[in-house]
Amino acid sequence: MFMTGPLILWLLFIAWVIHDIEEYLFFDRLSVSKDAGVQNIASKLSVPKNILNDMATTKKQEGIAILIVGSLMLLATLAGYLNPDGIGMRFYGLVLGGTSLHTFSHAGSAVILRKYTPGVVTAVAVVLPACVFIYVNLFGQQLLGIVEAIILAVLGIVAFAPLLLMVQRIAKRLTK
């Protein structure tokens, strides 16, 4: 069953809020810059040290990063809601796609590290199903085409890593 109108777009923001509450609450369970498993994998993948060092190391830094990304999620939702037939939906589709594919990085990190990682539960149980539900509705309402959604998802996930690093750097600098 399809929801009518662009109200379905708000589900992404709601799912993201639930997801980031989990990430924030359990942030202390995995320090990306200090965890031996993360360090080992980063070394094998030749990840530059400064990238790991730029990641949030305090709950305050993580909170700031979450607020910055949350602002982007809210902006994308508003853009799609206010302009469901134009550029607003394209921006929303980009964020929806990046968020959808990002859920697999949460699941993958938990599998690779063989332990709970902050955000994995809600990524799999809340965000991914919400994204699928949103896609089904957007396709059904013809607000987004499948080919366009795939292109936007790929662009969204490609933009996600640099965006995450930039947000983490900003959060660290704001707390110094």
Foldseek 3Di string as FASTA:
>chain_A
DADDALPLLCLLLVLLVVLLVQCLVCVVVDQCLPDPLNVVVCVVVVPDSVLSVLADDDSQLSVQLSVVVSVLSVQLSVLCRVCLQDPSVLSSLLQLLLLLVVLVVLVVVCVSSVHHHGRNVSSVVRNNVSSVSSVVNCVVVVSDPPVSSVVSSVNSNVVVVVSSSVSSNVSVVVVD
